[in-house]
């Protein structure tokens, strides 16, 4: 049950390790929504699932040519704020991985579940 006035934010991440510069913003925005006491959920699909592989977040730098923050910094903030992480089932196969290859997630969703999440959300943002 969501408290009155609480909105549901759904962030759909579609790009992964191939575009590190696109990886931090969804986590940052999802964290912000959660800190504003809104329900905040991220779904990783297509190549975005690669961001959740164990060890990737510690190594992936948002600004590849520099020594700035790693993705783990943004991921940890999101988790601490209460953001939920889901993976799209077909993207596991696309990225040659299983749930055991990933950091802790809140679940695996298929097309029906993702469509329902989107239809129930007040705000849907894709990256």
N, C-alpha and C. Protein backbone atom coordinates (compact mmCIF):
# COMPACT_ATOMS: atom_id res chain seq x y z
N UNK A 1 0.84 -1.17 0.00
CA UNK A 1 0.00 0.00 0.00
C UNK A 1 0.88 1.24 0.00
N UNK A 2 0.62 2.13 -0.92
CA UNK A 2 1.39 3.36 -1.05
C UNK A 2 0.66 4.47 -0.30
N UNK A 3 1.38 5.25 0.50
CA UNK A 3 0.78 6.33 1.26
C UNK A 3 0.19 7.39 0.33
N UNK A 4 -0.87 8.03 0.81
CA UNK A 4 -1.50 9.09 0.03
C UNK A 4 -0.48 10.17 -0.30
N UNK A 5 -0.48 10.61 -1.55
CA UNK A 5 0.48 11.62 -2.00
C UNK A 5 1.78 11.04 -2.53
N UNK A 6 1.99 9.75 -2.29
CA UNK A 6 3.19 9.09 -2.80
C UNK A 6 2.97 8.72 -4.26
N UNK A 7 3.92 9.06 -5.07
CA UNK A 7 3.86 8.70 -6.49
C UNK A 7 4.74 7.49 -6.75
N UNK A 8 4.44 6.78 -7.81
CA UNK A 8 5.25 5.65 -8.25
C UNK A 8 6.08 6.09 -9.45
N UNK A 9 7.40 5.98 -9.30
CA UNK A 9 8.32 6.31 -10.37
C UNK A 9 8.93 5.02 -10.88
N UNK A 10 8.92 4.86 -12.20
CA UNK A 10 9.52 3.69 -12.84
C UNK A 10 10.59 4.18 -13.82
N UNK A 11 11.82 3.71 -13.60
CA UNK A 11 12.94 4.05 -14.47
C UNK A 11 13.32 2.79 -15.24
N UNK A 12 13.28 2.88 -16.55
CA UNK A 12 13.64 1.74 -17.40
C UNK A 12 14.99 2.03 -18.03
N UNK A 13 15.98 1.24 -17.64
CA UNK A 13 17.35 1.41 -18.13
C UNK A 13 17.59 0.41 -19.25
N UNK A 14 18.00 0.90 -20.42
CA UNK A 14 18.20 0.02 -21.58
C UNK A 14 19.65 -0.08 -22.03
N UNK A 15 20.52 0.81 -21.55
CA UNK A 15 21.92 0.75 -21.97
C UNK A 15 22.79 0.28 -20.81
N UNK A 16 23.87 -0.39 -21.17
CA UNK A 16 24.73 -1.00 -20.16
C UNK A 16 26.15 -0.51 -20.20
N UNK A 17 27.08 -1.44 -20.03
CA UNK A 17 28.50 -1.11 -19.91
C UNK A 17 29.06 -0.45 -21.16
N UNK A 18 28.38 -0.61 -22.29
CA UNK A 18 28.86 0.00 -23.53
C UNK A 18 28.72 1.52 -23.52
N UNK A 19 27.95 2.07 -22.59
CA UNK A 19 27.73 3.52 -22.52
C UNK A 19 27.78 3.97 -21.06
N UNK A 20 28.96 3.95 -20.44
CA UNK A 20 29.05 4.28 -19.01
C UNK A 20 28.53 5.67 -18.68
N UNK A 21 28.63 6.59 -19.62
CA UNK A 21 28.17 7.95 -19.37
C UNK A 21 26.65 8.02 -19.20
N UNK A 22 25.94 6.97 -19.61
CA UNK A 22 24.48 6.91 -19.48
C UNK A 22 24.04 6.12 -18.25
N UNK A 23 24.97 5.62 -17.48
CA UNK A 23 24.61 4.70 -16.41
C UNK A 23 24.26 5.36 -15.08
N UNK A 24 24.84 6.47 -14.74
CA UNK A 24 24.63 7.06 -13.42
C UNK A 24 23.30 7.80 -13.28
N UNK A 25 22.87 8.50 -14.30
CA UNK A 25 21.67 9.33 -14.20
C UNK A 25 20.43 8.57 -13.74
N UNK A 26 20.14 7.39 -14.27
CA UNK A 26 18.94 6.68 -13.79
C UNK A 26 19.02 6.36 -12.29
N UNK A 27 20.19 5.96 -11.81
CA UNK A 27 20.34 5.68 -10.38
C UNK A 27 20.17 6.96 -9.57
N UNK A 28 20.76 8.05 -10.04
CA UNK A 28 20.67 9.34 -9.35
C UNK A 28 19.21 9.80 -9.25
N UNK A 29 18.50 9.73 -10.37
CA UNK A 29 17.10 10.17 -10.37
C UNK A 29 16.22 9.26 -9.53
N UNK A 30 16.43 7.96 -9.61
CA UNK A 30 15.66 7.02 -8.80
C UNK A 30 15.90 7.26 -7.32
N UNK A 31 17.15 7.54 -6.97
CA UNK A 31 17.50 7.86 -5.58
C UNK A 31 16.78 9.12 -5.13
N UNK A 32 16.79 10.13 -5.97
CA UNK A 32 16.13 11.38 -5.63
C UNK A 32 14.64 11.17 -5.38
N UNK A 33 13.99 10.40 -6.24
CA UNK A 33 12.56 10.11 -6.05
C UNK A 33 12.32 9.39 -4.73
N UNK A 34 13.16 8.40 -4.43
CA UNK A 34 13.02 7.66 -3.18
C UNK A 34 13.21 8.57 -1.97
N UNK A 35 14.18 9.47 -2.04
CA UNK A 35 14.42 10.39 -0.93
C UNK A 35 13.30 11.41 -0.78
N UNK A 36 12.53 11.61 -1.83
CA UNK A 36 11.34 12.46 -1.78
C UNK A 36 10.14 11.67 -1.27
N UNK A 37 10.41 10.44 -0.80
CA UNK A 37 9.41 9.53 -0.24
C UNK A 37 8.40 9.04 -1.26
N UNK A 38 8.87 8.87 -2.51
CA UNK A 38 8.06 8.25 -3.55
C UNK A 38 8.55 6.82 -3.75
N UNK A 39 7.68 5.98 -4.25
CA UNK A 39 8.07 4.61 -4.59
C UNK A 39 8.92 4.68 -5.85
N UNK A 40 10.11 4.12 -5.80
CA UNK A 40 11.05 4.24 -6.91
C UNK A 40 11.57 2.87 -7.31
N UNK A 41 11.37 2.54 -8.58
CA UNK A 41 11.74 1.23 -9.10
C UNK A 41 12.54 1.39 -10.38
N UNK A 42 13.58 0.57 -10.52
CA UNK A 42 14.36 0.52 -11.75
C UNK A 42 14.21 -0.85 -12.38
N UNK A 43 14.02 -0.87 -13.70
CA UNK A 43 14.00 -2.13 -14.44
C UNK A 43 15.13 -2.08 -15.46
N UNK A 44 15.93 -3.13 -15.48
CA UNK A 44 17.08 -3.22 -16.37
C UNK A 44 16.74 -4.18 -17.48
N UNK A 45 16.85 -3.71 -18.72
CA UNK A 45 16.52 -4.53 -19.87
C UNK A 45 17.54 -4.29 -20.97
N UNK A 46 17.45 -5.07 -22.01
CA UNK A 46 18.39 -5.05 -23.14
C UNK A 46 19.80 -5.18 -22.56
N UNK A 47 20.73 -4.29 -22.86
CA UNK A 47 22.10 -4.44 -22.35
C UNK A 47 22.29 -3.86 -20.96
N UNK A 48 21.29 -3.20 -20.40
CA UNK A 48 21.42 -2.61 -19.07
C UNK A 48 21.68 -3.66 -17.99
N UNK A 49 21.24 -4.88 -18.24
CA UNK A 49 21.48 -5.95 -17.28
C UNK A 49 22.97 -6.12 -17.00
N UNK A 50 23.80 -5.78 -17.97
CA UNK A 50 25.25 -5.89 -17.78
C UNK A 50 25.76 -5.01 -16.64
N UNK A 51 25.04 -3.95 -16.31
CA UNK A 51 25.44 -3.07 -15.22
C UNK A 51 25.33 -3.76 -13.86
N UNK A 52 24.50 -4.78 -13.78
CA UNK A 52 24.25 -5.45 -12.52
C UNK A 52 25.11 -6.69 -12.30
N UNK A 53 25.98 -7.01 -13.25
CA UNK A 53 26.88 -8.15 -13.05
C UNK A 53 27.79 -7.87 -11.86
N UNK A 54 28.00 -8.90 -11.06
CA UNK A 54 28.89 -8.77 -9.91
C UNK A 54 30.25 -8.26 -10.37
N UNK A 55 30.78 -7.25 -9.68
CA UNK A 55 32.09 -6.69 -9.99
C UNK A 55 32.09 -5.55 -10.97
N UNK A 56 31.04 -5.40 -11.77
CA UNK A 56 31.01 -4.35 -12.80
C UNK A 56 30.91 -2.97 -12.17
N UNK A 57 30.01 -2.79 -11.21
CA UNK A 57 29.79 -1.47 -10.62
C UNK A 57 31.04 -0.91 -9.95
N UNK A 58 31.86 -1.80 -9.41
CA UNK A 58 33.09 -1.36 -8.75
C UNK A 58 34.13 -0.86 -9.75
N UNK A 59 34.08 -1.36 -10.98
CA UNK A 59 35.08 -1.03 -11.99
C UNK A 59 34.63 0.03 -12.99
N UNK A 60 33.32 0.14 -13.20
CA UNK A 60 32.81 1.02 -14.24
C UNK A 60 32.84 2.48 -13.79
N UNK A 61 33.61 3.27 -14.48
CA UNK A 61 33.70 4.70 -14.18
C UNK A 61 32.74 5.45 -15.09
N UNK A 62 32.03 6.39 -14.50
CA UNK A 62 31.02 7.15 -15.23
C UNK A 62 31.68 8.01 -16.30
N UNK A 63 32.83 8.54 -15.96
CA UNK A 63 33.62 9.33 -16.90
C UNK A 63 34.85 8.49 -17.22
N UNK A 64 34.77 7.69 -18.28
CA UNK A 64 35.81 6.69 -18.56
C UNK A 64 37.24 7.24 -18.63
N UNK A 65 37.41 8.45 -19.13
CA UNK A 65 38.77 8.97 -19.29
C UNK A 65 39.30 9.61 -18.01
N UNK A 66 38.52 9.59 -16.95
CA UNK A 66 38.97 10.20 -15.70
C UNK A 66 39.00 9.21 -14.57
N UNK A 67 39.16 9.73 -13.39
CA UNK A 67 39.18 8.87 -12.21
C UNK A 67 38.02 9.24 -11.29
N UNK A 68 36.90 9.62 -11.89
CA UNK A 68 35.71 10.02 -11.13
C UNK A 68 35.01 8.84 -10.48
N UNK A 69 33.79 9.08 -10.10
CA UNK A 69 33.00 8.11 -9.37
C UNK A 69 32.75 6.84 -10.18
N UNK A 70 32.64 5.74 -9.46
CA UNK A 70 32.26 4.49 -10.09
C UNK A 70 30.74 4.35 -10.02
N UNK A 71 30.23 3.43 -10.80
CA UNK A 71 28.79 3.17 -10.77
C UNK A 71 28.36 2.68 -9.39
N UNK A 72 29.23 1.98 -8.69
CA UNK A 72 28.90 1.47 -7.36
C UNK A 72 28.48 2.59 -6.42
N UNK A 73 29.09 3.75 -6.51
CA UNK A 73 28.72 4.90 -5.69
C UNK A 73 27.24 5.21 -5.88
N UNK A 74 26.79 5.30 -7.12
CA UNK A 74 25.40 5.64 -7.42
C UNK A 74 24.46 4.49 -7.08
N UNK A 75 24.91 3.26 -7.33
CA UNK A 75 24.10 2.09 -7.04
C UNK A 75 23.88 1.96 -5.53
N UNK A 76 24.92 2.16 -4.74
CA UNK A 76 24.80 2.08 -3.28
C UNK A 76 23.85 3.14 -2.75
N UNK A 77 23.93 4.35 -3.28
CA UNK A 77 23.01 5.41 -2.86
C UNK A 77 21.56 5.01 -3.13
N UNK A 78 21.31 4.45 -4.30
CA UNK A 78 19.96 4.04 -4.67
C UNK A 78 19.45 2.97 -3.71
N UNK A 79 20.27 1.97 -3.45
CA UNK A 79 19.87 0.90 -2.54
C UNK A 79 19.56 1.44 -1.14
N UNK A 80 20.44 2.31 -0.64
CA UNK A 80 20.25 2.88 0.69
C UNK A 80 18.97 3.71 0.78
N UNK A 81 18.56 4.31 -0.33
CA UNK A 81 17.34 5.13 -0.36
C UNK A 81 16.08 4.27 -0.52
N UNK A 82 16.25 2.99 -0.85
CA UNK A 82 15.10 2.10 -0.98
C UNK A 82 14.63 1.84 -2.39
N UNK A 83 15.45 2.18 -3.37
CA UNK A 83 15.09 1.91 -4.77
C UNK A 83 15.10 0.41 -5.00
N UNK A 84 14.10 -0.08 -5.70
CA UNK A 84 14.00 -1.50 -6.04
C UNK A 84 14.60 -1.73 -7.42
N UNK A 85 15.32 -2.86 -7.58
CA UNK A 85 15.95 -3.24 -8.85
C UNK A 85 15.30 -4.51 -9.39
N UNK A 86 14.84 -4.46 -10.63
CA UNK A 86 14.28 -5.62 -11.31
C UNK A 86 15.01 -5.81 -12.64
N UNK A 87 15.09 -7.05 -13.08
CA UNK A 87 15.72 -7.37 -14.35
C UNK A 87 14.67 -7.99 -15.26
N UNK A 88 14.69 -7.59 -16.51
CA UNK A 88 13.80 -8.16 -17.52
C UNK A 88 14.34 -9.55 -17.89
N UNK A 89 13.46 -10.56 -17.80
CA UNK A 89 13.88 -11.95 -18.00
C UNK A 89 14.64 -12.19 -19.31
N UNK A 90 14.14 -11.73 -20.47
CA UNK A 90 14.87 -12.01 -21.71
C UNK A 90 16.27 -11.39 -21.76
N UNK A 91 16.48 -10.32 -20.99
CA UNK A 91 17.80 -9.67 -21.03
C UNK A 91 18.87 -10.53 -20.35
N UNK A 92 18.46 -11.44 -19.49
CA UNK A 92 19.45 -12.35 -18.89
C UNK A 92 20.12 -13.17 -19.97
N UNK A 93 19.32 -13.76 -20.84
CA UNK A 93 19.87 -14.56 -21.94
C UNK A 93 20.67 -13.68 -22.90
N UNK A 94 20.16 -12.51 -23.22
CA UNK A 94 20.85 -11.59 -24.12
C UNK A 94 22.26 -11.26 -23.62
N UNK A 95 22.40 -11.15 -22.31
CA UNK A 95 23.68 -10.80 -21.69
C UNK A 95 24.45 -12.02 -21.20
N UNK A 96 24.01 -13.22 -21.64
CA UNK A 96 24.68 -14.47 -21.26
C UNK A 96 24.93 -14.56 -19.76
N UNK A 97 23.88 -14.32 -18.97
CA UNK A 97 24.04 -14.42 -17.53
C UNK A 97 22.78 -14.99 -16.88
N UNK A 98 22.93 -15.32 -15.61
CA UNK A 98 21.81 -15.79 -14.80
C UNK A 98 21.68 -14.85 -13.61
N UNK A 99 20.64 -15.03 -12.83
CA UNK A 99 20.44 -14.21 -11.64
C UNK A 99 21.64 -14.35 -10.70
N UNK A 100 22.24 -15.53 -10.66
CA UNK A 100 23.40 -15.76 -9.78
C UNK A 100 24.61 -14.92 -10.17
N UNK A 101 24.66 -14.45 -11.41
CA UNK A 101 25.77 -13.62 -11.88
C UNK A 101 25.61 -12.16 -11.48
N UNK A 102 24.44 -11.82 -10.95
CA UNK A 102 24.11 -10.42 -10.67
C UNK A 102 24.23 -10.06 -9.20
N UNK A 103 24.37 -8.76 -8.95
CA UNK A 103 24.26 -8.27 -7.58
C UNK A 103 22.84 -8.54 -7.11
N UNK A 104 22.57 -8.30 -5.86
CA UNK A 104 21.23 -8.55 -5.32
C UNK A 104 20.18 -7.70 -6.05
N UNK A 105 19.14 -8.38 -6.51
CA UNK A 105 18.03 -7.69 -7.17
C UNK A 105 16.74 -8.04 -6.43
N UNK A 106 15.67 -7.32 -6.73
CA UNK A 106 14.39 -7.55 -6.08
C UNK A 106 13.51 -8.50 -6.86
N UNK A 107 13.90 -8.82 -8.09
CA UNK A 107 13.12 -9.78 -8.85
C UNK A 107 13.41 -9.73 -10.33
N UNK A 108 12.82 -10.70 -11.02
CA UNK A 108 12.92 -10.81 -12.48
C UNK A 108 11.51 -10.63 -13.01
N UNK A 109 11.36 -9.81 -14.04
CA UNK A 109 10.05 -9.56 -14.61
C UNK A 109 10.04 -9.89 -16.10
N UNK A 110 8.88 -10.28 -16.57
CA UNK A 110 8.67 -10.52 -17.99
C UNK A 110 7.92 -9.34 -18.59
N UNK A 111 7.52 -9.50 -19.82
CA UNK A 111 6.83 -8.43 -20.53
C UNK A 111 5.53 -8.01 -19.88
N UNK A 112 4.74 -8.98 -19.45
CA UNK A 112 3.46 -8.66 -18.82
C UNK A 112 3.66 -7.85 -17.56
N UNK A 113 4.57 -8.29 -16.70
CA UNK A 113 4.82 -7.58 -15.45
C UNK A 113 5.36 -6.18 -15.70
N UNK A 114 6.26 -6.05 -16.67
CA UNK A 114 6.81 -4.73 -16.97
C UNK A 114 5.72 -3.79 -17.48
N UNK A 115 4.85 -4.29 -18.34
CA UNK A 115 3.75 -3.47 -18.83
C UNK A 115 2.81 -3.06 -17.70
N UNK A 116 2.56 -3.96 -16.77
CA UNK A 116 1.72 -3.62 -15.63
C UNK A 116 2.40 -2.58 -14.74
N UNK A 117 3.69 -2.74 -14.52
CA UNK A 117 4.42 -1.75 -13.72
C UNK A 117 4.31 -0.38 -14.36
N UNK A 118 4.47 -0.33 -15.66
CA UNK A 118 4.39 0.94 -16.38
C UNK A 118 2.99 1.54 -16.31
N UNK A 119 1.97 0.69 -16.44
CA UNK A 119 0.60 1.21 -16.42
C UNK A 119 0.19 1.71 -15.04
N UNK A 120 0.81 1.18 -13.99
CA UNK A 120 0.49 1.59 -12.62
C UNK A 120 1.34 2.75 -12.15
N UNK A 121 2.41 3.06 -12.83
CA UNK A 121 3.32 4.14 -12.43
C UNK A 121 2.71 5.51 -12.75
N UNK A 122 3.03 6.46 -11.91
CA UNK A 122 2.65 7.84 -12.19
C UNK A 122 3.61 8.49 -13.17
N UNK A 123 4.87 8.05 -13.10
CA UNK A 123 5.92 8.60 -13.95
C UNK A 123 6.77 7.44 -14.47
N UNK A 124 7.00 7.41 -15.78
CA UNK A 124 7.88 6.41 -16.39
C UNK A 124 8.96 7.18 -17.17
N UNK A 125 10.22 6.87 -16.85
CA UNK A 125 11.34 7.52 -17.51
C UNK A 125 12.25 6.43 -18.05
N UNK A 126 12.67 6.58 -19.30
CA UNK A 126 13.55 5.58 -19.90
C UNK A 126 14.90 6.17 -20.25
N UNK A 127 15.91 5.31 -20.17
CA UNK A 127 17.27 5.70 -20.50
C UNK A 127 17.85 4.67 -21.46
